[in-house]
Amino acid sequence: MKLSTFRAARRRGAVLFCAGGILAAVVGVIAPAPAQAVGVPFGQAAFSGSASGSAIHVDALDNNAAVDVGRASSAVNSKGLTAAANDDAVNLPINPALPTKNAYARGKGIEALGASIADEAVATAPPNGPPVQNEVAVPVSPLVYASLSRGYAFARYNTDTCVLGSDLAGSYGYVADANVIETGTSNEDGSFQMPLVAADTGPNTRDVVQSLARETLVPNSDGTFGLQSQVVTQLAPITLFKGTPDELTILVAGDFVLTATATGIPGKSTVTYRPANAEADPTLPIITVIQGGVESQVLTFQDLLGDAGLSIPIPGVADISIAEPPVQTISADGTTVAATADVVRIVLLDGSLANIRIGHAAVKAQVPAGGITCPIPVTKQATPNIVNSTTAPDGKFLVAITIKNAFDCPLLNVSLEDIITRKSGDIQFAIVEDDPRNDPKKGPGVTFTKISNTSSIAKYDNLGTLAPGASRVVNLVIGVTGGSGEIQDIATAKGTLACAEGSALGQANVNLSGSFTLVTVVATVLPRTGGTAGLALILAGTAIAAVVTRRVARTRRAGV
């Protein structure tokens, strides 16, 4: 499974003021996208998730040894990973406490008590960096052997912008030819003759087990986004008591996938647990048990749908539970989801020898009520940012609108509508259509509509496609023709995020929008002659700027 991510940023506007000539103060405020359902903006949303997986987990009770093969974990928290998290089912850490980080991933091929194996890969974000991968050949007799052990991890997070089309965090632990706990004598190459658990079927084959853990923002049906935590386990044939009369082999067809999706919408959050390829053929044998060279038990996808699972007692040797339904909780409001499952659970010698979990997975996800909104980043900047008789003697100023595709998939059919209105005072203005600073120029598909001397609309119905990371800048020239007061300028961009198979969202088209509000304060000020009238107007202009400054301070304290 391909794991890919992206980076993006959003810039906030600044307050700029002056008490001379024509006074302009620019206030940048991110407004919720009106085309989307009501949710919590990403920058304000409190959400978290974790995923923990082990292809093979062995607690050898007689010598107090624990071994994990194919170990992966991931975690995300929008408010910082302030506390360590643990997978209580197997008593293994998911992530340490990292208050300055929002995303974490760790992949390790082999985790063995007292064994130092240099296959660990750890990634954190922010800042975002390249994926980390380490691999080694691992003879660690008598606990574990593998011909190859690999860890892989990456993490991506942006404090202001949703990560879409890529995972927030992902990791995997990969092991080839795993042998766990030698009960006889090891071979010269370090491999085991009589391992308690083996994931190799013969001397001339390489069999692989691995776990993958990931955190992903996924679209809800109403235009908001939820959080998905997922563990995928790939299992080679697993043999117990290899080389002994009690030898038993469990064949698992394909990958097992445990997914928790928190939407923040009542009745819409889910837990799913199934083989990845089961829907293609419900009669497909999913798990086959071989005892004494004979297929003794077969479990199909239809059997799994019945939530029955399979129990195989071997008197005096083992109790084996296969494909039990996951233990799960989903809150009534859809904000919290958690689940734990094992493909196979084995208790050896009534628990006195070892407890074994094959294909272990644990997932959690939590989002705010209503889900998360993920706007297209839209920003604006006025030039000159202080407009007066010296910097703009003709009363014109340029507004540059930037639309950015901060996501990991192309943004198609990008459009822009900019509504410019009088907010206060008696100011009059219009879009200056023939100014050469306008870009794109007025032409097919672009309209500048003057509704009145206090209201105008600029529409760009087709700005084309923005590739991941690309931006498009649209320039407008506003000409002030008289009066003073505030101009409010709201730009709304729309587009379709088109993700292909292989992205974190798979093949999906998601409609997005994003808005930015710019308030420009214009005060006409007489030349400074030293008279009281001129001084009064200067003080009036300063007072307007102070009001805007206080408004921005309150807005920022409110978290907008």
Protein backbone atom coordinates (compact mmCIF):
# COMPACT_ATOMS: atom_id res chain seq x y z
CA MET A 1 0.00 0.00 0.00
CA LYS A 2 1.44 3.31 -1.07
CA LEU A 3 1.84 5.89 1.72
CA SER A 4 2.12 9.48 0.48
CA THR A 5 1.69 12.90 2.08
CA PHE A 6 1.75 16.62 1.36
CA ARG A 7 2.64 19.98 2.83
CA ALA A 8 0.59 23.17 2.81
CA ALA A 9 0.39 26.55 4.62
CA ARG A 10 -2.04 29.37 5.18
CA ARG A 11 -1.05 32.96 5.73
CA ARG A 12 -3.02 35.36 7.89
CA GLY A 13 -3.45 39.05 7.04
CA ALA A 14 -1.87 41.85 9.04
CA VAL A 15 -3.21 45.17 10.29
CA LEU A 16 -1.49 48.21 8.78
CA PHE A 17 -2.49 51.77 9.51
CA CYS A 18 -1.49 55.40 8.88
CA ALA A 19 -2.91 58.89 9.64
CA GLY A 20 -2.25 60.82 6.43
CA GLY A 21 -3.66 61.13 2.89
CA ILE A 22 -6.00 58.13 2.15
CA LEU A 23 -5.79 55.68 5.09
CA ALA A 24 -6.00 51.93 4.37
CA ALA A 25 -6.04 49.17 7.01
CA VAL A 26 -6.03 45.54 5.81
CA VAL A 27 -7.49 42.86 8.07
CA GLY A 28 -7.19 39.17 7.07
CA VAL A 29 -9.85 36.85 8.45
CA ILE A 30 -10.38 33.25 7.37
CA ALA A 31 -14.11 32.69 6.95
CA PRO A 32 -15.80 29.25 6.94
CA ALA A 33 -16.46 27.84 3.47
CA PRO A 34 -20.17 28.54 2.87
CA ALA A 35 -20.58 25.61 0.45
CA GLN A 36 -19.62 23.04 3.09
CA ALA A 37 -21.65 21.62 5.95
CA VAL A 38 -21.23 23.06 9.40
CA GLY A 39 -18.20 21.57 11.13
CA VAL A 40 -15.17 22.74 13.07
CA PRO A 41 -12.42 24.40 10.97
CA PHE A 42 -9.28 22.30 10.85
CA GLY A 43 -7.14 24.87 12.66
CA GLN A 44 -9.55 24.86 15.62
CA ALA A 45 -10.67 21.21 15.63
CA ALA A 46 -9.68 18.90 18.48
CA PHE A 47 -9.18 15.44 17.01
CA SER A 48 -6.94 12.45 17.71
CA GLY A 49 -6.35 8.89 16.61
CA SER A 50 -4.03 5.93 17.03
CA ALA A 51 -3.35 2.58 15.41
CA SER A 52 -1.31 -0.34 16.73
CA GLY A 53 -0.53 -3.61 14.95
CA SER A 54 1.60 -6.73 15.35
CA ALA A 55 1.71 -9.52 12.81
CA ILE A 56 2.84 -11.94 15.55
CA HIS A 57 2.84 -11.24 19.28
CA VAL A 58 4.16 -13.86 21.71
CA ASP A 59 4.15 -13.67 25.51
CA ALA A 60 6.30 -16.60 26.64
CA LEU A 61 5.19 -16.89 30.23
CA ASP A 62 7.70 -19.51 31.37
CA ASN A 63 10.72 -17.22 30.76
CA ASN A 64 8.93 -13.84 30.91
CA ALA A 65 9.89 -13.01 27.32
CA ALA A 66 7.83 -10.97 24.86
CA VAL A 67 8.43 -10.93 21.12
CA ASP A 68 6.63 -8.94 18.43
CA VAL A 69 7.13 -9.57 14.72
CA GLY A 70 6.00 -6.94 12.23
CA ARG A 71 5.25 -4.13 14.67
CA ALA A 72 3.68 -0.82 13.53
CA SER A 73 2.06 2.12 15.30
CA SER A 74 0.82 5.59 14.39
CA ALA A 75 -0.78 8.49 16.25
CA VAL A 76 -2.12 11.97 15.58
CA ASN A 77 -3.42 14.70 17.89
CA SER A 78 -4.33 18.18 16.71
CA LYS A 79 -3.55 19.61 20.16
CA GLY A 80 -0.18 17.89 20.48
CA LEU A 81 0.85 14.41 21.62
CA THR A 82 0.91 15.56 25.23
CA ALA A 83 0.57 12.08 26.75
CA ALA A 84 2.05 8.68 25.99
CA ALA A 85 -0.38 6.13 24.55
CA ASN A 86 -0.30 2.37 25.05
CA ASP A 87 -1.84 -0.70 23.41
CA ASP A 88 -3.08 -2.34 26.58
CA ALA A 89 -3.97 -5.66 24.92
CA VAL A 90 -0.29 -6.42 24.24
CA ASN A 91 1.26 -3.97 26.74
CA LEU A 92 3.22 -2.12 24.06
CA PRO A 93 3.65 1.64 23.53
CA ILE A 94 1.96 3.37 20.61
CA ASN A 95 3.67 6.74 21.00
CA PRO A 96 5.67 8.59 23.66
CA ALA A 97 4.65 11.98 25.05
CA LEU A 98 5.71 14.60 22.46
CA PRO A 99 3.88 17.88 23.29
CA THR A 100 5.42 19.81 20.37
CA LYS A 101 4.47 17.15 17.80
CA ASN A 102 1.10 16.39 16.22
CA ALA A 103 1.87 13.22 14.24
CA TYR A 104 3.99 10.17 15.07
CA ALA A 105 4.75 6.86 13.38
CA ARG A 106 6.99 3.94 14.28
CA GLY A 107 7.74 0.79 12.32
CA LYS A 108 9.87 -2.09 13.57
CA GLY A 109 10.34 -5.55 12.11
CA ILE A 110 11.20 -7.29 15.38
CA GLU A 111 10.66 -6.15 18.94
CA ALA A 112 12.23 -8.63 21.35
CA LEU A 113 12.85 -8.24 25.04
CA GLY A 114 16.53 -7.55 25.68
CA ALA A 115 17.45 -7.65 21.98
CA SER A 116 18.92 -4.56 20.30
CA ILE A 117 17.88 -4.68 16.64
CA ALA A 118 18.65 -1.71 14.39
CA ASP A 119 15.50 -1.95 12.28
CA GLU A 120 13.46 0.74 14.02
CA ALA A 121 12.09 3.64 11.97
CA VAL A 122 10.51 6.65 13.72
CA ALA A 123 9.01 9.79 12.16
CA THR A 124 7.38 12.85 13.76
CA ALA A 125 5.78 16.06 12.48
CA PRO A 126 5.93 18.99 12.31
CA PRO A 127 8.32 19.71 10.76
CA ASN A 128 7.68 17.34 7.89
CA GLY A 129 10.57 15.27 6.63
CA PRO A 130 11.28 12.34 4.30
CA PRO A 131 10.22 8.79 5.19
CA VAL A 132 12.57 6.80 7.42
CA GLN A 133 13.52 3.19 6.66
CA ASN A 134 15.93 0.78 8.35
CA GLU A 135 16.49 -2.92 7.71
CA VAL A 136 18.78 -5.70 8.97
CA ALA A 137 19.16 -9.48 8.96
CA VAL A 138 18.32 -10.66 12.44
CA PRO A 139 19.59 -13.80 14.10
CA VAL A 140 18.74 -13.23 17.78
CA SER A 141 18.79 -16.81 19.07
CA PRO A 142 17.08 -18.20 21.07
CA LEU A 143 14.22 -15.66 20.99
CA VAL A 144 13.77 -14.81 17.32
CA TYR A 145 15.28 -15.23 13.87
CA ALA A 146 14.53 -13.55 10.53
CA SER A 147 16.31 -13.42 7.20
CA LEU A 148 15.25 -9.75 6.91
CA SER A 149 13.64 -7.26 9.27
CA ARG A 150 12.55 -3.78 8.18
CA GLY A 151 10.91 -0.74 9.75
CA TYR A 152 9.39 2.17 7.80
CA ALA A 153 7.71 5.36 9.07
CA PHE A 154 6.63 8.80 7.97
CA ALA A 155 4.58 11.65 9.47
CA ARG A 156 2.98 14.75 7.92
CA TYR A 157 1.16 17.55 9.68
CA ASN A 158 0.35 21.19 9.02
CA THR A 159 -1.06 23.25 11.86
CA ASP A 160 -3.24 25.41 9.58
CA THR A 161 -4.20 23.19 6.66
CA CYS A 162 -5.82 19.78 6.23
CA VAL A 163 -3.69 16.91 4.93
CA LEU A 164 -5.86 15.41 2.16
CA GLY A 165 -4.92 12.71 -0.33
CA SER A 166 -2.13 11.57 1.96
CA ASP A 167 -1.88 9.99 5.39
CA LEU A 168 -1.11 12.09 8.46
CA ALA A 169 1.09 9.29 9.76
CA GLY A 170 1.95 5.82 8.56
CA SER A 171 4.34 3.00 9.37
CA TYR A 172 4.97 -0.66 8.77
CA GLY A 173 7.03 -3.45 10.26
CA TYR A 174 8.14 -6.14 7.78
CA VAL A 175 9.78 -9.49 8.51
CA ALA A 176 10.78 -12.36 6.21
CA ASP A 177 11.16 -15.97 7.40
CA ALA A 178 10.36 -15.29 11.04
CA ASN A 179 11.03 -17.94 13.72
CA VAL A 180 10.04 -17.21 17.32
CA ILE A 181 11.41 -19.03 20.41
CA GLU A 182 13.55 -22.06 19.64
CA THR A 183 12.41 -25.18 21.51
CA GLY A 184 15.19 -27.34 20.04
CA THR A 185 18.64 -26.57 18.60
CA SER A 186 19.34 -23.70 16.19
CA ASN A 187 20.87 -24.26 12.77
CA GLU A 188 24.30 -22.86 11.86
CA ASP A 189 22.76 -19.89 10.01
CA GLY A 190 20.79 -18.92 13.13
CA SER A 191 17.43 -20.24 11.92
CA PHE A 192 15.44 -22.50 14.21
CA GLN A 193 14.76 -26.22 13.81
CA MET A 194 11.82 -26.41 16.20
CA PRO A 195 10.37 -22.89 16.70
CA LEU A 196 7.31 -22.36 18.82
CA VAL A 197 5.93 -20.08 16.06
CA ALA A 198 7.23 -20.01 12.48
CA ALA A 199 6.27 -17.91 9.47
CA ASP A 200 8.34 -19.83 6.92
CA THR A 201 6.96 -22.82 5.05
CA GLY A 202 10.17 -24.34 3.77
CA PRO A 203 13.92 -23.86 3.24
CA ASN A 204 13.59 -22.59 -0.35
CA THR A 205 10.85 -20.00 0.13
CA ARG A 206 10.67 -16.55 1.71
CA ASP A 207 7.46 -15.83 3.54
CA VAL A 208 6.58 -12.37 4.77
CA VAL A 209 4.54 -11.02 7.66
CA GLN A 210 3.95 -7.31 8.18
CA SER A 211 1.68 -4.79 9.87
CA LEU A 212 0.78 -1.35 8.59
CA ALA A 213 -0.70 1.43 10.77
CA ARG A 214 -2.07 4.74 9.44
CA GLU A 215 -4.07 7.88 10.28
CA THR A 216 -6.06 9.58 7.49
CA LEU A 217 -8.58 12.41 7.13
CA VAL A 218 -11.47 11.06 5.02
CA PRO A 219 -14.54 12.79 3.52
CA ASN A 220 -17.95 12.51 5.16
CA SER A 221 -21.13 12.41 3.13
CA ASP A 222 -22.04 16.02 3.98
CA GLY A 223 -18.82 17.72 2.86
CA THR A 224 -17.02 17.66 6.21
CA PHE A 225 -14.20 15.28 7.10
CA GLY A 226 -13.69 12.54 9.66
CA LEU A 227 -10.62 10.70 10.93
CA GLN A 228 -9.80 7.10 10.04
CA SER A 229 -7.38 4.90 12.00
CA GLN A 230 -6.45 1.64 10.33
CA VAL A 231 -4.28 -1.45 10.78
CA VAL A 232 -3.56 -3.85 7.93
CA THR A 233 -1.83 -7.17 8.66
CA GLN A 234 -0.33 -9.46 6.04
CA LEU A 235 0.31 -12.99 7.24
CA ALA A 236 2.40 -15.78 5.77
CA PRO A 237 1.45 -19.36 6.72
CA ILE A 238 1.88 -19.57 10.51
CA THR A 239 3.08 -22.87 11.94
CA LEU A 240 2.90 -23.79 15.63
CA PHE A 241 5.14 -26.45 17.19
CA LYS A 242 7.09 -26.83 13.95
CA GLY A 243 8.94 -30.12 13.68
CA THR A 244 6.92 -31.82 16.43
CA PRO A 245 3.96 -34.27 16.33
CA ASP A 246 1.66 -31.41 17.36
CA GLU A 247 2.58 -29.27 14.32
CA LEU A 248 -0.34 -27.14 13.13
CA THR A 249 -0.37 -24.62 10.27
CA ILE A 250 -2.81 -21.72 9.77
CA LEU A 251 -3.12 -20.28 6.26
CA VAL A 252 -4.59 -16.77 5.93
CA ALA A 253 -5.69 -15.59 2.49
CA GLY A 254 -4.82 -11.94 1.88
CA ASP A 255 -4.62 -9.01 4.27
CA PHE A 256 -6.84 -8.49 7.31
CA VAL A 257 -7.97 -4.87 7.78
CA LEU A 258 -9.33 -3.26 10.98
CA THR A 259 -10.64 0.28 10.42
CA ALA A 260 -12.20 2.80 12.81
CA THR A 261 -13.77 5.89 11.22
CA ALA A 262 -15.02 8.74 13.43
CA THR A 263 -17.22 11.18 11.50
CA GLY A 264 -18.66 13.38 14.24
CA ILE A 265 -22.14 12.59 12.82
CA PRO A 266 -24.61 10.42 14.81
CA GLY A 267 -25.10 7.02 13.21
CA LYS A 268 -22.36 7.51 10.61
CA SER A 269 -19.20 6.36 12.44
CA THR A 270 -18.09 2.79 11.79
CA VAL A 271 -15.81 -0.12 12.64
CA THR A 272 -15.02 -2.60 9.88
CA TYR A 273 -12.97 -5.78 10.14
CA ARG A 274 -12.52 -8.09 7.18
CA PRO A 275 -10.05 -9.53 4.71
CA ALA A 276 -9.12 -7.00 2.05
CA ASN A 277 -10.17 -9.24 -0.86
CA ALA A 278 -13.24 -10.89 0.69
CA GLU A 279 -15.93 -8.90 -1.11
CA ALA A 280 -14.78 -10.22 -4.49
CA ASP A 281 -15.94 -13.73 -3.58
CA PRO A 282 -17.84 -14.37 -0.31
CA THR A 283 -17.17 -18.11 -0.62
CA LEU A 284 -13.40 -17.62 -0.77
CA PRO A 285 -11.58 -19.60 1.92
CA ILE A 286 -10.17 -16.97 4.24
CA ILE A 287 -8.51 -19.15 6.88
CA THR A 288 -7.47 -22.78 6.49
CA VAL A 289 -6.15 -24.97 9.32
CA ILE A 290 -3.83 -27.87 8.49
CA GLN A 291 -3.21 -30.62 11.07
CA GLY A 292 -1.08 -33.64 10.26
CA GLY A 293 -0.91 -32.54 6.60
CA VAL A 294 -4.71 -32.54 6.28
CA GLU A 295 -6.99 -29.50 5.90
CA SER A 296 -9.19 -29.92 8.92
CA GLN A 297 -11.00 -26.59 9.14
CA VAL A 298 -11.91 -23.92 6.57
CA LEU A 299 -13.39 -20.50 7.34
CA THR A 300 -14.95 -18.36 4.56
CA PHE A 301 -15.95 -14.71 4.42
CA GLN A 302 -19.58 -15.80 4.83
CA ASP A 303 -18.59 -17.45 8.12
CA LEU A 304 -17.05 -14.17 9.28
CA LEU A 305 -20.27 -12.29 8.50
CA GLY A 306 -22.01 -14.52 10.98
CA ASP A 307 -19.72 -13.27 13.76
CA ALA A 308 -19.10 -16.87 14.72
CA GLY A 309 -15.39 -17.24 14.32
CA LEU A 310 -13.80 -20.64 14.84
CA SER A 311 -12.61 -22.41 17.97
CA ILE A 312 -10.12 -25.30 17.81
CA PRO A 313 -9.27 -27.02 21.10
CA ILE A 314 -6.23 -29.29 21.14
CA PRO A 315 -6.52 -31.04 24.51
CA GLY A 316 -3.46 -30.60 26.68
CA VAL A 317 -1.74 -28.46 24.04
CA ALA A 318 -3.60 -25.33 22.95
CA ASP A 319 -6.89 -23.47 22.70
CA ILE A 320 -7.12 -21.63 19.37
CA SER A 321 -9.66 -18.92 18.55
CA ILE A 322 -9.79 -17.74 14.93
CA ALA A 323 -11.42 -14.62 13.47
CA GLU A 324 -13.40 -13.60 16.54
CA PRO A 325 -15.44 -10.41 16.02
CA PRO A 326 -13.66 -7.26 17.17
CA VAL A 327 -14.28 -5.72 20.56
CA GLN A 328 -15.59 -2.27 19.66
CA THR A 329 -17.21 0.91 20.96
CA ILE A 330 -18.89 3.71 18.97
CA SER A 331 -20.32 6.74 20.75
CA ALA A 332 -23.91 7.71 19.98
CA ASP A 333 -22.87 11.14 18.66
CA GLY A 334 -20.32 9.61 16.28
CA THR A 335 -17.35 11.46 17.74
CA THR A 336 -15.44 8.49 19.22
CA VAL A 337 -14.67 5.02 17.84
CA ALA A 338 -12.35 2.26 19.14
CA ALA A 339 -11.81 -1.42 18.31
CA THR A 340 -9.42 -4.30 19.01
CA ALA A 341 -9.15 -7.60 17.10
CA ASP A 342 -6.90 -10.60 16.48
CA VAL A 343 -7.00 -12.87 13.44
CA VAL A 344 -5.85 -15.75 15.65
CA ARG A 345 -5.56 -15.99 19.44
CA ILE A 346 -3.75 -18.98 20.99
CA VAL A 347 -3.37 -20.07 24.60
CA LEU A 348 -0.68 -22.75 25.01
CA LEU A 349 -0.77 -25.30 27.84
CA ASP A 350 -3.71 -23.57 29.56
CA GLY A 351 -1.75 -20.32 29.60
CA SER A 352 1.28 -21.69 31.43
CA LEU A 353 3.55 -21.71 28.35
CA ALA A 354 2.60 -18.77 26.16
CA ASN A 355 -0.14 -16.55 24.83
CA ILE A 356 0.06 -15.80 21.12
CA ARG A 357 -1.77 -13.25 18.98
CA ILE A 358 -1.52 -13.41 15.20
CA GLY A 359 -2.68 -10.39 13.22
CA HIS A 360 -3.25 -8.17 16.25
CA ALA A 361 -4.77 -4.72 15.67
CA ALA A 362 -6.07 -1.88 17.85
CA VAL A 363 -7.49 1.42 16.52
CA LYS A 364 -9.02 4.61 17.95
CA ALA A 365 -10.36 7.81 16.38
CA GLN A 366 -11.98 10.92 17.82
CA VAL A 367 -13.29 14.08 16.09
CA PRO A 368 -15.47 17.02 17.15
CA ALA A 369 -19.25 16.93 16.76
CA GLY A 370 -20.13 17.84 13.19
CA GLY A 371 -16.75 16.73 11.81
CA ILE A 372 -13.88 18.83 10.46
CA THR A 373 -14.02 21.40 7.65
CA CYS A 374 -11.10 21.51 5.22
CA PRO A 375 -11.15 24.74 3.17
CA ILE A 376 -9.10 25.53 0.09
CA PRO A 377 -6.42 28.00 1.29
CA VAL A 378 -7.32 31.47 0.01
CA THR A 379 -5.36 34.60 0.99
CA LYS A 380 -5.33 38.27 -0.02
CA GLN A 381 -2.91 41.17 0.07
CA ALA A 382 -3.42 44.86 -0.73
CA THR A 383 -0.71 46.85 -2.58
CA PRO A 384 0.16 49.44 -1.51
CA ASN A 385 -0.77 48.33 1.96
CA ILE A 386 -0.89 51.96 3.09
CA VAL A 387 -2.79 53.99 0.50
CA ASN A 388 -2.45 57.76 0.57
CA SER A 389 -2.04 60.68 -1.78
CA THR A 390 1.63 59.84 -2.21
CA THR A 391 1.48 56.05 -2.70
CA ALA A 392 -1.77 56.06 -4.73
CA PRO A 393 -2.52 59.55 -6.02
CA ASP A 394 -5.21 58.17 -8.35
CA GLY A 395 -7.02 56.40 -5.47
CA LYS A 396 -6.36 52.94 -6.90
CA PHE A 397 -5.05 49.96 -4.97
CA LEU A 398 -4.35 46.38 -6.03
CA VAL A 399 -5.84 43.32 -4.27
CA ALA A 400 -3.96 40.08 -5.02
CA ILE A 401 -6.00 36.93 -4.32
CA THR A 402 -3.97 33.71 -4.00
CA ILE A 403 -5.60 30.27 -4.31
CA LYS A 404 -3.35 27.37 -3.29
CA ASN A 405 -3.76 23.65 -3.79
CA ALA A 406 -2.25 22.54 -0.50
CA PHE A 407 -3.34 18.95 -1.02
CA ASP A 408 -1.78 15.82 -2.49
CA CYS A 409 -4.20 15.45 -5.42
CA PRO A 410 -4.98 17.77 -8.36
CA LEU A 411 -7.64 20.44 -7.78
CA LEU A 412 -9.89 20.55 -10.85
CA ASN A 413 -12.34 23.14 -12.20
CA VAL A 414 -11.11 25.91 -9.92
CA SER A 415 -13.41 28.96 -9.83
CA LEU A 416 -13.38 32.23 -7.89
CA GLU A 417 -16.06 34.73 -6.92
CA ASP A 418 -15.05 37.99 -5.24
CA ILE A 419 -17.87 40.08 -3.74
CA ILE A 420 -16.85 43.66 -2.87
CA THR A 421 -19.28 45.83 -0.89
CA ARG A 422 -19.40 48.93 1.28
CA LYS A 423 -19.22 47.89 4.91
CA SER A 424 -19.53 51.34 6.50
CA GLY A 425 -19.32 55.05 5.76
CA ASP A 426 -20.17 56.78 2.48
CA ILE A 427 -17.29 55.41 0.40
CA GLN A 428 -17.78 54.85 -3.33
CA PHE A 429 -15.66 52.58 -5.51
CA ALA A 430 -15.54 50.22 -8.48
CA ILE A 431 -13.35 47.53 -10.04
CA VAL A 432 -11.09 49.26 -12.55
CA GLU A 433 -11.57 46.97 -15.54
CA ASP A 434 -9.00 48.43 -17.88
CA ASP A 435 -6.09 48.73 -15.44
CA PRO A 436 -3.14 46.65 -16.77
CA ARG A 437 -2.50 45.25 -13.30
CA ASN A 438 -5.66 43.12 -13.57
CA ASP A 439 -4.66 39.48 -14.17
CA PRO A 440 -6.25 37.55 -15.71
CA LYS A 441 -7.57 40.28 -18.00
CA LYS A 442 -11.28 40.57 -18.49
CA GLY A 443 -12.25 38.11 -21.22
CA PRO A 444 -14.23 34.92 -21.90
CA GLY A 445 -15.31 33.29 -18.66
CA VAL A 446 -14.37 36.34 -16.57
CA THR A 447 -16.92 38.97 -15.52
CA PHE A 448 -16.57 42.21 -13.57
CA THR A 449 -20.05 43.40 -12.57
CA LYS A 450 -20.63 46.87 -11.13
CA ILE A 451 -23.89 46.57 -9.24
CA SER A 452 -23.69 50.11 -7.85
CA ASN A 453 -21.12 52.63 -6.63
CA THR A 454 -20.93 50.59 -3.42
CA SER A 455 -21.00 47.00 -4.71
CA SER A 456 -19.11 45.00 -7.36
CA ILE A 457 -18.54 41.33 -8.19
CA ALA A 458 -15.61 39.69 -9.98
CA LYS A 459 -16.22 36.12 -11.22
CA TYR A 460 -13.71 33.67 -12.70
CA ASP A 461 -15.70 30.61 -13.71
CA ASN A 462 -12.74 28.53 -14.90
CA LEU A 463 -9.22 29.02 -13.60
CA GLY A 464 -8.30 25.52 -14.74
CA THR A 465 -6.48 22.85 -12.72
CA LEU A 466 -4.04 23.37 -9.89
CA ALA A 467 -1.46 20.61 -9.43
CA PRO A 468 -0.52 19.60 -5.85
CA GLY A 469 1.41 22.46 -4.25
CA ALA A 470 0.59 24.91 -7.08
CA SER A 471 -0.95 28.38 -6.63
CA ARG A 472 -2.94 30.77 -8.80
CA VAL A 473 -2.90 34.53 -8.23
CA VAL A 474 -5.77 36.74 -9.40
CA ASN A 475 -5.26 40.52 -9.28
CA LEU A 476 -8.04 43.09 -8.94
CA VAL A 477 -7.67 46.87 -9.06
CA ILE A 478 -10.11 48.82 -6.89
CA GLY A 479 -10.60 52.52 -7.57
CA VAL A 480 -11.95 54.73 -4.76
CA THR A 481 -14.05 57.52 -6.31
CA GLY A 482 -15.22 59.33 -3.19
CA GLY A 483 -16.19 59.28 0.45
CA SER A 484 -14.64 57.30 3.29
CA GLY A 485 -15.37 54.18 5.33
CA GLU A 486 -14.79 50.42 5.05
CA ILE A 487 -14.75 48.18 1.98
CA GLN A 488 -15.47 44.46 2.61
CA ASP A 489 -14.03 42.05 0.07
CA ILE A 490 -15.01 38.33 0.33
CA ALA A 491 -13.35 35.91 -2.10
CA THR A 492 -14.61 32.32 -2.35
CA ALA A 493 -12.75 29.66 -4.34
CA LYS A 494 -14.22 26.29 -5.30
CA GLY A 495 -12.78 23.17 -6.90
CA THR A 496 -12.90 19.39 -7.04
CA LEU A 497 -10.10 17.42 -5.38
CA ALA A 498 -9.54 14.49 -7.75
CA CYS A 499 -7.59 11.68 -6.09
CA ALA A 500 -6.49 8.59 -8.01
CA GLU A 501 -6.11 4.99 -6.92
CA GLY A 502 -2.97 4.77 -4.80
CA SER A 503 -3.64 7.95 -2.86
CA ALA A 504 -4.60 7.77 0.81
CA LEU A 505 -8.22 8.40 -0.22
CA GLY A 506 -8.13 5.96 -3.12
CA GLN A 507 -10.06 7.01 -6.22
CA ALA A 508 -12.27 9.87 -5.03
CA ASN A 509 -13.64 13.25 -6.11
CA VAL A 510 -14.27 15.69 -3.26
CA ASN A 511 -15.82 19.14 -3.69
CA LEU A 512 -14.03 21.81 -1.65
CA SER A 513 -14.32 25.54 -1.12
CA GLY A 514 -12.52 28.21 0.85
CA SER A 515 -13.04 31.90 1.62
CA PHE A 516 -11.06 34.91 2.77
CA THR A 517 -12.46 38.24 3.97
CA LEU A 518 -10.47 41.44 3.51
CA VAL A 519 -11.63 44.70 5.15
CA THR A 520 -10.05 47.87 3.78
CA VAL A 521 -10.52 51.10 5.72
CA VAL A 522 -10.36 54.28 3.67
CA ALA A 523 -10.41 57.74 5.28
CA THR A 524 -10.08 60.96 3.29
CA VAL A 525 -7.69 63.32 5.09
CA LEU A 526 -7.12 66.99 4.22
CA PRO A 527 -3.57 68.32 3.73
CA ARG A 528 -1.86 69.16 7.00
CA THR A 529 -2.16 72.96 7.26
CA GLY A 530 -1.89 73.14 11.04
CA GLY A 531 -5.57 74.08 11.36
CA THR A 532 -7.95 72.40 13.77
CA ALA A 533 -10.08 70.95 10.95
CA GLY A 534 -7.14 69.11 9.45
CA LEU A 535 -6.08 67.83 12.87
CA ALA A 536 -9.62 66.60 13.58
CA LEU A 537 -9.70 64.54 10.38
CA ILE A 538 -6.26 63.06 11.11
CA LEU A 539 -7.44 62.01 14.55
CA ALA A 540 -10.62 60.55 13.02
CA GLY A 541 -8.56 58.42 10.65
CA THR A 542 -6.39 57.21 13.52
CA ALA A 543 -9.51 56.29 15.51
CA ILE A 544 -10.84 54.15 12.63
CA ALA A 545 -7.55 52.28 12.44
CA ALA A 546 -7.60 51.71 16.21
CA VAL A 547 -11.12 50.23 16.00
CA VAL A 548 -10.01 47.80 13.29
CA THR A 549 -6.93 46.84 15.30
CA ARG A 550 -9.06 46.03 18.35
CA ARG A 551 -11.44 43.98 16.19
CA VAL A 552 -8.57 41.87 14.86
CA ALA A 553 -7.20 41.34 18.36
CA ARG A 554 -10.59 40.09 19.56
CA THR A 555 -10.92 37.85 16.50
CA ARG A 556 -7.53 36.25 17.03
CA ARG A 557 -8.19 35.71 20.74
CA ALA A 558 -11.42 33.96 19.73
CA GLY A 559 -9.37 31.57 17.59
CA VAL A 560 -10.63 32.61 14.16
